[in-house]
Amino acid sequence: MSGPLADVRRALALLLTTGVVLAAAACGETPLVPDADETSTAAPVTTETTTTTSSPATTTEESPSTSSAPGELDPDDVGRRLTLNDFFNPSPYWEEDRYDIADEKQVQGIAADVSSCYSAQELELRLANNFEELDFSVGQANDSTSSDASVTVEVLANNAQVEIRSVPFNEIQEFSIPVEGVNALKIHVYLDDRATCNGRVTAVLTEVTLD
């Protein structure tokens, strides 16, 4: 449709549209849209540190050992066979092993080589006045270098001689030494000069016990 009437209608439509837009602008709010360039700041992340408290370790108290320290003897040692470790500071010439002596085979013993009539091999016990008797046996190992020598066995109790005896090859002799009131006891072994001083034998102590 053309003509004045059409023009009037177009004008009214335009006027109506403009009014609606102006009314919306006056009464409504346009939502704010953040710019694409705007940087979003994230809330800081808090890391919580958990402290673990461990229970204190439980310490188990051990009862004191009743065994003697090397070279120290106490009443609990009565009746047991003594070893080289029970003697006080033995020289390195002494050793503990098994030996054939006379007609006895593989006897557990404490031994040293003896090759002089004037220089003794020594063993010492610290008894602390706790015992009444010391028993032991002495012989020569069957594989000793010499078979014609005798071994002198001398026992000193508190530095006083209480026994001295000669032990020939192919014999085992038993000793019983009273030790009541004795603190330091020494056993000396050396060649018996009544036989020969030129030999070399392995003197062996066996079955050493205290009562």
N, C-alpha and C. Protein backbone atom coordinates (compact mmCIF):
# COMPACT_ATOMS: atom_id res chain seq x y z
N MET A 1 0.88 -1.17 0.00
CA MET A 1 0.00 0.00 0.00
C MET A 1 0.91 1.21 0.00
N SER A 2 0.59 2.19 -0.79
CA SER A 2 1.40 3.41 -0.86
C SER A 2 0.52 4.60 -0.66
N GLY A 3 1.16 5.73 -0.50
CA GLY A 3 0.38 6.91 -0.29
C GLY A 3 0.54 7.46 1.09
N PRO A 4 -0.22 8.45 1.42
CA PRO A 4 -0.09 9.12 2.74
C PRO A 4 -0.40 8.19 3.87
N LEU A 5 -1.32 7.30 3.71
CA LEU A 5 -1.67 6.41 4.81
C LEU A 5 -0.52 5.48 5.15
N ALA A 6 0.16 5.00 4.15
CA ALA A 6 1.31 4.12 4.39
C ALA A 6 2.40 4.86 5.10
N ASP A 7 2.63 6.06 4.73
CA ASP A 7 3.68 6.84 5.39
C ASP A 7 3.37 7.06 6.85
N VAL A 8 2.05 7.29 7.15
CA VAL A 8 1.66 7.50 8.54
C VAL A 8 1.93 6.26 9.36
N ARG A 9 1.60 5.11 8.81
CA ARG A 9 1.80 3.84 9.54
C ARG A 9 3.29 3.59 9.82
N ARG A 10 4.12 3.88 8.82
CA ARG A 10 5.56 3.67 9.03
C ARG A 10 6.08 4.59 10.10
N ALA A 11 5.60 5.79 10.14
CA ALA A 11 6.04 6.76 11.15
C ALA A 11 5.62 6.31 12.52
N LEU A 12 4.36 5.79 12.65
CA LEU A 12 3.89 5.31 13.94
C LEU A 12 4.69 4.12 14.44
N ALA A 13 5.01 3.23 13.47
CA ALA A 13 5.80 2.04 13.86
C ALA A 13 7.18 2.43 14.35
N LEU A 14 7.78 3.37 13.67
CA LEU A 14 9.11 3.82 14.06
C LEU A 14 9.05 4.49 15.41
N LEU A 15 8.00 5.31 15.64
CA LEU A 15 7.85 6.02 16.90
C LEU A 15 7.64 5.02 18.03
N LEU A 16 6.85 3.95 17.77
CA LEU A 16 6.58 2.95 18.80
C LEU A 16 7.85 2.19 19.17
N THR A 17 8.60 1.86 18.19
CA THR A 17 9.86 1.11 18.44
C THR A 17 10.84 1.94 19.25
N THR A 18 10.94 3.22 18.88
CA THR A 18 11.85 4.11 19.61
C THR A 18 11.43 4.26 21.05
N GLY A 19 10.11 4.33 21.29
CA GLY A 19 9.62 4.48 22.67
C GLY A 19 9.92 3.26 23.51
N VAL A 20 9.75 2.09 22.87
CA VAL A 20 10.03 0.85 23.64
C VAL A 20 11.49 0.80 24.05
N VAL A 21 12.38 1.16 23.11
CA VAL A 21 13.83 1.12 23.42
C VAL A 21 14.16 2.10 24.51
N LEU A 22 13.58 3.32 24.46
CA LEU A 22 13.88 4.34 25.47
C LEU A 22 13.35 3.89 26.84
N ALA A 23 12.14 3.27 26.86
CA ALA A 23 11.58 2.81 28.12
C ALA A 23 12.45 1.72 28.74
N ALA A 24 12.95 0.82 27.91
CA ALA A 24 13.80 -0.26 28.44
C ALA A 24 15.09 0.29 28.99
N ALA A 25 15.61 1.32 28.32
CA ALA A 25 16.87 1.92 28.80
C ALA A 25 16.67 2.62 30.11
N ALA A 26 15.43 3.23 30.30
CA ALA A 26 15.18 3.97 31.53
C ALA A 26 14.91 3.05 32.71
N CYS A 27 14.29 1.89 32.47
CA CYS A 27 13.87 1.04 33.59
C CYS A 27 14.79 -0.16 33.80
N GLY A 28 15.36 -0.65 32.78
CA GLY A 28 16.17 -1.88 32.92
C GLY A 28 17.65 -1.59 32.97
N GLU A 29 18.46 -2.67 33.39
CA GLU A 29 19.93 -2.55 33.45
C GLU A 29 20.51 -3.60 32.52
N THR A 30 21.45 -3.15 31.77
CA THR A 30 22.12 -4.09 30.85
C THR A 30 23.16 -4.88 31.63
N PRO A 31 23.15 -6.24 31.66
CA PRO A 31 24.13 -7.05 32.41
C PRO A 31 25.54 -6.73 31.97
N LEU A 32 26.44 -6.69 32.93
CA LEU A 32 27.85 -6.41 32.63
C LEU A 32 28.53 -7.69 32.20
N VAL A 33 29.11 -7.66 31.06
CA VAL A 33 29.85 -8.83 30.56
C VAL A 33 31.31 -8.52 30.65
N PRO A 34 32.11 -9.32 31.36
CA PRO A 34 33.54 -9.01 31.49
C PRO A 34 34.24 -9.09 30.16
N ASP A 35 35.18 -8.17 30.01
CA ASP A 35 35.96 -8.15 28.78
C ASP A 35 36.79 -9.42 28.67
N ALA A 36 37.03 -9.82 27.43
CA ALA A 36 37.84 -11.02 27.21
C ALA A 36 39.25 -10.83 27.72
N ASP A 37 39.69 -9.54 27.73
CA ASP A 37 41.08 -9.27 28.16
C ASP A 37 41.22 -9.25 29.67
N GLU A 38 40.06 -9.23 30.39
CA GLU A 38 40.14 -9.12 31.84
C GLU A 38 40.65 -10.44 32.43
N THR A 39 41.69 -10.38 33.26
CA THR A 39 42.31 -11.58 33.85
C THR A 39 41.61 -11.93 35.14
N SER A 40 41.19 -13.19 35.25
CA SER A 40 40.53 -13.65 36.47
C SER A 40 41.58 -14.06 37.48
N THR A 41 41.44 -13.56 38.71
CA THR A 41 42.37 -13.87 39.78
C THR A 41 41.78 -14.97 40.65
N ALA A 42 42.46 -16.13 40.68
CA ALA A 42 41.95 -17.25 41.47
C ALA A 42 42.31 -17.06 42.92
N ALA A 43 41.43 -17.53 43.77
CA ALA A 43 41.71 -17.44 45.21
C ALA A 43 42.91 -18.30 45.56
N PRO A 44 43.81 -17.81 46.39
CA PRO A 44 45.00 -18.60 46.74
C PRO A 44 44.61 -19.89 47.43
N VAL A 45 45.36 -20.94 47.06
CA VAL A 45 45.10 -22.26 47.63
C VAL A 45 45.95 -22.41 48.88
N THR A 46 45.30 -22.67 49.96
CA THR A 46 46.00 -22.83 51.23
C THR A 46 46.29 -24.30 51.47
N THR A 47 47.58 -24.62 51.58
CA THR A 47 47.98 -26.01 51.85
C THR A 47 48.12 -26.20 53.34
N GLU A 48 47.37 -27.11 53.87
CA GLU A 48 47.39 -27.36 55.31
C GLU A 48 48.43 -28.43 55.62
N THR A 49 49.39 -28.09 56.44
CA THR A 49 50.43 -29.04 56.82
C THR A 49 50.02 -29.80 58.07
N THR A 50 50.00 -31.10 57.93
CA THR A 50 49.61 -31.94 59.06
C THR A 50 50.85 -32.44 59.77
N THR A 51 50.98 -32.13 61.02
CA THR A 51 52.13 -32.57 61.81
C THR A 51 51.77 -33.84 62.54
N THR A 52 52.56 -34.89 62.25
CA THR A 52 52.30 -36.19 62.89
C THR A 52 53.22 -36.36 64.07
N THR A 53 52.68 -36.56 65.20
CA THR A 53 53.48 -36.76 66.42
C THR A 53 53.55 -38.24 66.72
N SER A 54 54.78 -38.78 66.61
CA SER A 54 54.95 -40.21 66.86
C SER A 54 55.09 -40.46 68.34
N SER A 55 54.63 -41.61 68.74
CA SER A 55 54.74 -41.98 70.15
C SER A 55 56.18 -42.28 70.47
N PRO A 56 56.66 -41.90 71.65
CA PRO A 56 58.05 -42.19 71.99
C PRO A 56 58.31 -43.67 72.01
N ALA A 57 59.52 -44.05 71.51
CA ALA A 57 59.88 -45.47 71.47
C ALA A 57 59.97 -46.03 72.87
N THR A 58 59.49 -47.23 72.99
CA THR A 58 59.53 -47.89 74.29
C THR A 58 60.85 -48.61 74.46
N THR A 59 61.59 -48.30 75.49
CA THR A 59 62.89 -48.92 75.76
C THR A 59 62.71 -50.05 76.74
N THR A 60 63.18 -51.22 76.31
CA THR A 60 63.08 -52.39 77.18
C THR A 60 64.37 -52.54 77.95
N GLU A 61 64.29 -52.50 79.24
CA GLU A 61 65.47 -52.64 80.07
C GLU A 61 65.83 -54.11 80.19
N GLU A 62 67.12 -54.40 79.90
CA GLU A 62 67.58 -55.76 80.01
C GLU A 62 68.16 -55.99 81.38
N SER A 63 67.93 -57.18 81.88
CA SER A 63 68.50 -57.52 83.17
C SER A 63 70.00 -57.67 83.04
N PRO A 64 70.74 -57.21 84.02
CA PRO A 64 72.20 -57.33 83.94
C PRO A 64 72.60 -58.78 83.80
N SER A 65 73.60 -59.00 82.92
CA SER A 65 74.09 -60.35 82.71
C SER A 65 74.85 -60.83 83.93
N THR A 66 74.65 -62.09 84.24
CA THR A 66 75.37 -62.64 85.38
C THR A 66 76.68 -63.29 84.98
N SER A 67 76.96 -63.32 83.66
CA SER A 67 78.21 -63.93 83.22
C SER A 67 79.37 -63.00 83.51
N SER A 68 80.55 -63.60 83.72
CA SER A 68 81.72 -62.83 84.07
C SER A 68 82.33 -62.20 82.82
N ALA A 69 82.96 -61.04 83.00
CA ALA A 69 83.72 -60.44 81.92
C ALA A 69 85.00 -61.25 81.75
N PRO A 70 85.65 -61.14 80.56
CA PRO A 70 86.89 -61.90 80.35
C PRO A 70 87.90 -61.64 81.46
N GLY A 71 88.43 -62.72 82.03
CA GLY A 71 89.44 -62.59 83.07
C GLY A 71 88.90 -62.33 84.46
N GLU A 72 87.56 -62.25 84.62
CA GLU A 72 86.96 -62.03 85.92
C GLU A 72 86.05 -63.21 86.27
N LEU A 73 86.22 -63.73 87.46
CA LEU A 73 85.44 -64.88 87.89
C LEU A 73 84.60 -64.52 89.10
N ASP A 74 83.42 -65.12 89.21
CA ASP A 74 82.56 -64.90 90.37
C ASP A 74 82.00 -66.24 90.83
N PRO A 75 81.32 -66.28 91.96
CA PRO A 75 80.85 -67.58 92.50
C PRO A 75 79.98 -68.38 91.54
N ASP A 76 79.34 -67.73 90.57
CA ASP A 76 78.51 -68.47 89.62
C ASP A 76 79.34 -69.37 88.71
N ASP A 77 80.66 -69.20 88.69
CA ASP A 77 81.52 -70.00 87.83
C ASP A 77 81.92 -71.33 88.46
N VAL A 78 81.45 -71.60 89.66
CA VAL A 78 81.77 -72.86 90.33
C VAL A 78 81.24 -74.04 89.51
N GLY A 79 82.11 -75.03 89.30
CA GLY A 79 81.68 -76.27 88.66
C GLY A 79 81.77 -76.31 87.16
N ARG A 80 81.81 -75.19 86.48
CA ARG A 80 81.88 -75.24 85.01
C ARG A 80 83.34 -75.33 84.57
N ARG A 81 83.55 -75.90 83.38
CA ARG A 81 84.90 -76.01 82.85
C ARG A 81 85.36 -74.64 82.35
N LEU A 82 86.51 -74.19 82.82
CA LEU A 82 87.03 -72.88 82.43
C LEU A 82 87.67 -72.96 81.05
N THR A 83 87.60 -71.86 80.34
CA THR A 83 88.21 -71.75 79.02
C THR A 83 89.33 -70.72 79.08
N LEU A 84 90.02 -70.57 77.97
CA LEU A 84 91.12 -69.61 77.92
C LEU A 84 90.62 -68.20 78.21
N ASN A 85 89.39 -67.91 77.84
CA ASN A 85 88.81 -66.59 78.05
C ASN A 85 88.65 -66.25 79.53
N ASP A 86 88.66 -67.26 80.40
CA ASP A 86 88.48 -67.03 81.83
C ASP A 86 89.78 -66.63 82.53
N PHE A 87 90.91 -66.81 81.86
CA PHE A 87 92.18 -66.44 82.46
C PHE A 87 92.46 -64.96 82.24
N PHE A 88 93.26 -64.41 83.13
CA PHE A 88 93.51 -62.97 83.14
C PHE A 88 94.65 -62.62 82.19
N ASN A 89 94.30 -61.89 81.12
CA ASN A 89 95.29 -61.42 80.13
C ASN A 89 96.28 -62.50 79.70
N PRO A 90 95.79 -63.61 79.16
CA PRO A 90 96.73 -64.65 78.72
C PRO A 90 97.57 -64.16 77.54
N SER A 91 98.80 -64.63 77.47
CA SER A 91 99.67 -64.25 76.36
C SER A 91 99.17 -64.91 75.07
N PRO A 92 99.55 -64.37 73.91
CA PRO A 92 99.10 -64.96 72.64
C PRO A 92 99.71 -66.32 72.35
N TYR A 93 100.64 -66.77 73.19
CA TYR A 93 101.24 -68.09 72.97
C TYR A 93 100.28 -69.21 73.36
N TRP A 94 99.28 -68.89 74.16
CA TRP A 94 98.30 -69.89 74.57
C TRP A 94 97.16 -69.94 73.56
N GLU A 95 96.69 -71.15 73.30
CA GLU A 95 95.53 -71.30 72.42
C GLU A 95 94.68 -72.46 72.92
N GLU A 96 93.43 -72.44 72.48
CA GLU A 96 92.47 -73.47 72.91
C GLU A 96 92.07 -74.31 71.72
N ASP A 97 92.19 -75.63 71.89
CA ASP A 97 91.90 -76.54 70.78
C ASP A 97 91.68 -77.95 71.35
N ARG A 98 91.62 -78.92 70.46
CA ARG A 98 91.51 -80.32 70.88
C ARG A 98 92.85 -81.02 70.60
N TYR A 99 93.26 -81.85 71.54
CA TYR A 99 94.57 -82.49 71.45
C TYR A 99 94.46 -83.96 71.82
N ASP A 100 95.35 -84.77 71.22
CA ASP A 100 95.53 -86.15 71.64
C ASP A 100 96.63 -86.15 72.69
N ILE A 101 96.32 -86.69 73.87
CA ILE A 101 97.29 -86.73 74.97
C ILE A 101 97.33 -88.16 75.51
N ALA A 102 98.54 -88.77 75.43
CA ALA A 102 98.69 -90.16 75.86
C ALA A 102 97.63 -91.01 75.14
N ASP A 103 96.75 -91.69 75.90
CA ASP A 103 95.74 -92.55 75.26
C ASP A 103 94.38 -91.86 75.10
N GLU A 104 94.31 -90.55 75.40
CA GLU A 104 93.05 -89.81 75.26
C GLU A 104 93.04 -89.03 73.95
N LYS A 105 91.92 -89.11 73.23
CA LYS A 105 91.82 -88.51 71.91
C LYS A 105 90.91 -87.28 71.93
N GLN A 106 91.33 -86.28 71.18
CA GLN A 106 90.53 -85.07 70.96
C GLN A 106 90.03 -84.47 72.27
N VAL A 107 90.97 -84.26 73.18
CA VAL A 107 90.65 -83.66 74.48
C VAL A 107 90.65 -82.14 74.35
N GLN A 108 89.58 -81.50 74.81
CA GLN A 108 89.53 -80.03 74.80
C GLN A 108 90.52 -79.51 75.82
N GLY A 109 91.44 -78.64 75.38
CA GLY A 109 92.45 -78.16 76.30
C GLY A 109 93.00 -76.79 75.95
N ILE A 110 93.80 -76.25 76.85
CA ILE A 110 94.48 -74.95 76.68
C ILE A 110 95.97 -75.26 76.64
N ALA A 111 96.64 -74.85 75.56
CA ALA A 111 98.01 -75.32 75.34
C ALA A 111 98.94 -74.19 74.91
N ALA A 112 100.24 -74.45 75.17
CA ALA A 112 101.31 -73.55 74.71
C ALA A 112 102.56 -74.38 74.51
N ASP A 113 103.40 -73.97 73.57
CA ASP A 113 104.68 -74.64 73.35
C ASP A 113 105.68 -74.18 74.40
N VAL A 114 106.43 -75.13 74.94
CA VAL A 114 107.42 -74.86 75.98
C VAL A 114 108.77 -75.35 75.46
N SER A 115 109.78 -74.48 75.52
CA SER A 115 111.08 -74.86 74.96
C SER A 115 112.25 -74.36 75.81
N SER A 116 111.98 -74.03 77.06
CA SER A 116 113.04 -73.51 77.92
C SER A 116 112.85 -73.99 79.35
N CYS A 117 113.97 -74.15 80.04
CA CYS A 117 113.92 -74.49 81.46
C CYS A 117 113.87 -73.24 82.33
N TYR A 118 114.09 -72.08 81.73
CA TYR A 118 114.27 -70.86 82.52
C TYR A 118 113.24 -69.77 82.19
N SER A 119 112.50 -69.95 81.13
CA SER A 119 111.46 -69.00 80.75
C SER A 119 110.13 -69.74 80.70
N ALA A 120 109.20 -69.34 81.57
CA ALA A 120 107.94 -70.08 81.72
C ALA A 120 106.82 -69.45 80.90
N GLN A 121 105.90 -70.30 80.47
CA GLN A 121 104.62 -69.83 79.96
C GLN A 121 103.67 -69.73 81.16
N GLU A 122 102.94 -68.61 81.24
CA GLU A 122 102.15 -68.32 82.44
C GLU A 122 100.66 -68.17 82.13
N LEU A 123 99.84 -68.70 83.02
CA LEU A 123 98.40 -68.44 83.03
C LEU A 123 98.03 -67.94 84.42
N GLU A 124 97.11 -66.97 84.46
CA GLU A 124 96.71 -66.40 85.75
C GLU A 124 95.19 -66.38 85.87
N LEU A 125 94.72 -66.70 87.07
CA LEU A 125 93.30 -66.60 87.40
C LEU A 125 93.12 -65.56 88.50
N ARG A 126 92.11 -64.69 88.36
CA ARG A 126 91.74 -63.76 89.41
C ARG A 126 90.50 -64.32 90.12
N LEU A 127 90.71 -64.84 91.31
CA LEU A 127 89.66 -65.59 92.01
C LEU A 127 88.85 -64.75 92.99
N ALA A 128 89.37 -63.59 93.38
CA ALA A 128 88.65 -62.67 94.28
C ALA A 128 88.22 -63.34 95.58
N ASN A 129 89.00 -64.34 96.04
CA ASN A 129 88.73 -65.01 97.32
C ASN A 129 87.37 -65.71 97.36
N ASN A 130 86.86 -66.11 96.21
CA ASN A 130 85.50 -66.66 96.13
C ASN A 130 85.45 -68.18 96.06
N PHE A 131 86.61 -68.86 96.02
CA PHE A 131 86.59 -70.30 95.74
C PHE A 131 87.41 -71.07 96.78
N GLU A 132 87.26 -72.38 96.76
CA GLU A 132 87.94 -73.23 97.74
C GLU A 132 88.98 -74.15 97.10
N GLU A 133 88.76 -74.55 95.84
CA GLU A 133 89.70 -75.49 95.23
C GLU A 133 89.73 -75.31 93.72
N LEU A 134 90.92 -75.45 93.16
CA LEU A 134 91.12 -75.44 91.71
C LEU A 134 91.60 -76.81 91.28
N ASP A 135 90.91 -77.40 90.30
CA ASP A 135 91.29 -78.71 89.77
C ASP A 135 91.62 -78.58 88.28
N PHE A 136 92.67 -79.27 87.86
CA PHE A 136 93.02 -79.31 86.44
C PHE A 136 93.97 -80.49 86.21
N SER A 137 94.17 -80.82 84.93
CA SER A 137 95.10 -81.89 84.55
C SER A 137 96.10 -81.33 83.55
N VAL A 138 97.30 -81.92 83.52
CA VAL A 138 98.35 -81.47 82.61
C VAL A 138 98.97 -82.68 81.92
N GLY A 139 99.20 -82.54 80.62
CA GLY A 139 99.90 -83.56 79.85
C GLY A 139 100.62 -82.91 78.70
N GLN A 140 101.30 -83.73 77.89
CA GLN A 140 101.96 -83.24 76.69
C GLN A 140 101.24 -83.78 75.47
N ALA A 141 101.02 -82.90 74.48
CA ALA A 141 100.34 -83.34 73.27
C ALA A 141 101.17 -84.40 72.55
N ASN A 142 100.50 -85.39 71.99
CA ASN A 142 101.20 -86.48 71.31
C ASN A 142 102.02 -86.01 70.11
N ASP A 143 101.65 -84.88 69.53
CA ASP A 143 102.41 -84.38 68.37
C ASP A 143 103.47 -83.35 68.77
N SER A 144 103.88 -83.35 70.06
CA SER A 144 104.95 -82.45 70.50
C SER A 144 106.23 -82.76 69.72
N THR A 145 107.05 -81.74 69.51
CA THR A 145 108.30 -81.93 68.77
C THR A 145 109.22 -82.93 69.47
N SER A 146 109.31 -82.83 70.81
CA SER A 146 110.16 -83.73 71.59
C SER A 146 109.31 -84.71 72.38
N SER A 147 109.85 -85.89 72.60
CA SER A 147 109.16 -86.89 73.41
C SER A 147 110.00 -87.31 74.61
N ASP A 148 111.17 -86.68 74.79
CA ASP A 148 112.05 -87.06 75.90
C ASP A 148 112.16 -85.96 76.96
N ALA A 149 111.29 -84.98 76.90
CA ALA A 149 111.33 -83.87 77.86
C ALA A 149 110.19 -84.01 78.86
N SER A 150 110.39 -83.44 80.03
CA SER A 150 109.34 -83.35 81.04
C SER A 150 108.97 -81.89 81.26
N VAL A 151 107.71 -81.66 81.60
CA VAL A 151 107.22 -80.30 81.84
C VAL A 151 107.07 -80.08 83.33
N THR A 152 107.69 -79.01 83.83
CA THR A 152 107.49 -78.63 85.22
C THR A 152 106.25 -77.75 85.33
N VAL A 153 105.36 -78.10 86.24
CA VAL A 153 104.15 -77.32 86.49
C VAL A 153 104.29 -76.73 87.89
N GLU A 154 104.33 -75.40 87.95
CA GLU A 154 104.48 -74.68 89.23
C GLU A 154 103.24 -73.82 89.44
N VAL A 155 102.66 -73.90 90.64
CA VAL A 155 101.45 -73.14 90.97
C VAL A 155 101.78 -72.17 92.09
N LEU A 156 101.44 -70.89 91.86
CA LEU A 156 101.65 -69.83 92.85
C LEU A 156 100.30 -69.27 93.28
N ALA A 157 100.04 -69.24 94.58
CA ALA A 157 98.80 -68.66 95.12
C ALA A 157 99.17 -67.43 95.93
N ASN A 158 98.66 -66.28 95.51
CA ASN A 158 99.05 -65.00 96.15
C ASN A 158 100.57 -64.87 96.20
N ASN A 159 101.22 -65.26 95.06
CA ASN A 159 102.68 -65.16 94.87
C ASN A 159 103.49 -66.10 95.74
N ALA A 160 102.86 -67.07 96.36
CA ALA A 160 103.57 -68.09 97.15
C ALA A 160 103.41 -69.44 96.47
N GLN A 161 104.51 -70.18 96.33
CA GLN A 161 104.45 -71.47 95.67
C GLN A 161 103.67 -72.47 96.54
N VAL A 162 102.66 -73.10 95.94
CA VAL A 162 101.85 -74.08 96.66
C VAL A 162 101.93 -75.47 96.04
N GLU A 163 102.52 -75.57 94.84
CA GLU A 163 102.66 -76.88 94.18
C GLU A 163 103.71 -76.77 93.08
N ILE A 164 104.52 -77.82 92.92
CA ILE A 164 105.44 -77.93 91.79
C ILE A 164 105.62 -79.41 91.49
N ARG A 165 105.52 -79.76 90.21
CA ARG A 165 105.53 -81.17 89.83
C ARG A 165 106.03 -81.30 88.40
N SER A 166 106.64 -82.44 88.08
CA SER A 166 107.13 -82.72 86.74
C SER A 166 106.21 -83.71 86.04
N VAL A 167 105.88 -83.40 84.80
CA VAL A 167 104.98 -84.26 84.01
C VAL A 167 105.72 -84.73 82.77
N PRO A 168 106.07 -86.00 82.69
CA PRO A 168 106.77 -86.51 81.51
C PRO A 168 105.82 -86.75 80.34
N PHE A 169 106.43 -87.02 79.19
CA PHE A 169 105.64 -87.37 77.99
C PHE A 169 104.87 -88.66 78.24
N ASN A 170 103.68 -88.75 77.63
CA ASN A 170 102.82 -89.93 77.70
C ASN A 170 102.19 -90.12 79.07
N GLU A 171 102.06 -89.02 79.82
CA GLU A 171 101.36 -89.08 81.11
C GLU A 171 100.39 -87.90 81.23
N ILE A 172 99.33 -88.11 81.98
CA ILE A 172 98.42 -87.03 82.35
C ILE A 172 98.34 -87.02 83.87
N GLN A 173 98.64 -85.89 84.45
CA GLN A 173 98.61 -85.79 85.91
C GLN A 173 97.54 -84.80 86.35
N GLU A 174 96.87 -85.14 87.44
CA GLU A 174 95.79 -84.31 87.98
C GLU A 174 96.32 -83.46 89.14
N PHE A 175 95.82 -82.23 89.21
CA PHE A 175 96.21 -81.29 90.27
C PHE A 175 94.95 -80.83 91.01
N SER A 176 95.06 -80.75 92.32
CA SER A 176 94.00 -80.17 93.16
C SER A 176 94.66 -79.16 94.09
N ILE A 177 94.35 -77.89 93.86
CA ILE A 177 95.02 -76.81 94.57
C ILE A 177 94.03 -76.10 95.50
N PRO A 178 94.30 -76.06 96.82
CA PRO A 178 93.43 -75.27 97.72
C PRO A 178 93.57 -73.78 97.39
N VAL A 179 92.44 -73.09 97.25
CA VAL A 179 92.49 -71.67 96.88
C VAL A 179 91.63 -70.81 97.80
N GLU A 180 91.28 -71.31 98.95
CA GLU A 180 90.50 -70.49 99.87
C GLU A 180 91.33 -69.28 100.31
N GLY A 181 90.77 -68.10 100.19
CA GLY A 181 91.48 -66.87 100.53
C GLY A 181 92.49 -66.44 99.48
N VAL A 182 92.42 -67.03 98.28
CA VAL A 182 93.36 -66.69 97.20
C VAL A 182 92.68 -65.75 96.21
N ASN A 183 93.37 -64.69 95.89
CA ASN A 183 92.88 -63.76 94.87
C ASN A 183 93.54 -64.05 93.53
N ALA A 184 94.87 -63.96 93.48
CA ALA A 184 95.59 -64.20 92.23
C ALA A 184 96.29 -65.55 92.29
N LEU A 185 96.02 -66.38 91.28
CA LEU A 185 96.68 -67.68 91.18
C LEU A 185 97.35 -67.78 89.82
N LYS A 186 98.63 -68.21 89.82
CA LYS A 186 99.39 -68.32 88.58
C LYS A 186 99.86 -69.75 88.38
N ILE A 187 99.79 -70.19 87.13
CA ILE A 187 100.31 -71.50 86.74
C ILE A 187 101.46 -71.28 85.77
N HIS A 188 102.65 -71.76 86.12
CA HIS A 188 103.83 -71.66 85.27
C HIS A 188 104.17 -73.04 84.71
N VAL A 189 104.48 -73.10 83.44
CA VAL A 189 104.94 -74.35 82.83
C VAL A 189 106.25 -74.07 82.11
N TYR A 190 107.25 -74.95 82.32
CA TYR A 190 108.56 -74.83 81.67
C TYR A 190 109.22 -76.20 81.66
N LEU A 191 110.30 -76.36 80.93
CA LEU A 191 110.95 -77.65 80.84
C LEU A 191 111.67 -77.98 82.14
N ASP A 192 111.62 -79.25 82.51
CA ASP A 192 112.31 -79.74 83.70
C ASP A 192 113.77 -79.98 83.34
N ASP A 193 114.68 -79.25 83.99
CA ASP A 193 116.10 -79.36 83.64
C ASP A 193 116.71 -80.69 84.06
N ARG A 194 115.99 -81.50 84.80
CA ARG A 194 116.49 -82.82 85.16
C ARG A 194 116.35 -83.80 84.00
N ALA A 195 115.54 -83.44 83.02
CA ALA A 195 115.41 -84.27 81.82
C ALA A 195 116.23 -83.64 80.69
N THR A 196 115.76 -82.59 80.09
CA THR A 196 116.50 -81.88 79.06
C THR A 196 115.95 -80.47 78.93
N CYS A 197 116.84 -79.55 78.59
CA CYS A 197 116.43 -78.17 78.34
C CYS A 197 116.44 -77.84 76.85
N ASN A 198 116.69 -78.81 76.05
CA ASN A 198 116.81 -78.60 74.61
C ASN A 198 115.58 -79.07 73.85
N GLY A 199 114.58 -79.55 74.54
CA GLY A 199 113.40 -80.07 73.87
C GLY A 199 112.38 -78.98 73.58
N ARG A 200 111.34 -79.39 72.91
CA ARG A 200 110.20 -78.50 72.63
C ARG A 200 108.94 -79.35 72.69
N VAL A 201 108.07 -79.01 73.65
CA VAL A 201 106.85 -79.80 73.83
C VAL A 201 105.65 -78.87 73.87
N THR A 202 104.49 -79.45 73.62
CA THR A 202 103.23 -78.71 73.74
C THR A 202 102.56 -79.14 75.04
N ALA A 203 102.60 -78.24 76.04
CA ALA A 203 101.98 -78.53 77.34
C ALA A 203 100.49 -78.20 77.26
N VAL A 204 99.64 -79.11 77.75
CA VAL A 204 98.19 -78.95 77.62
C VAL A 204 97.53 -79.04 79.00
N LEU A 205 96.73 -78.03 79.34
CA LEU A 205 95.90 -78.06 80.55
C LEU A 205 94.49 -78.45 80.16
N THR A 206 93.90 -79.38 80.88
CA THR A 206 92.54 -79.82 80.58
C THR A 206 91.70 -79.85 81.85
N GLU A 207 90.39 -79.88 81.67
CA GLU A 207 89.42 -80.03 82.77
C GLU A 207 89.70 -79.06 83.93
N VAL A 208 89.83 -77.78 83.59
CA VAL A 208 90.09 -76.75 84.60
C VAL A 208 88.75 -76.33 85.20
N THR A 209 88.59 -76.60 86.52
CA THR A 209 87.34 -76.25 87.20
C THR A 209 87.63 -75.67 88.58
N LEU A 210 86.66 -74.93 89.09
CA LEU A 210 86.74 -74.33 90.43
C LEU A 210 85.61 -74.84 91.31
N ASP A 211 85.92 -75.03 92.60
CA ASP A 211 84.91 -75.44 93.59
C ASP A 211 84.91 -74.44 94.74
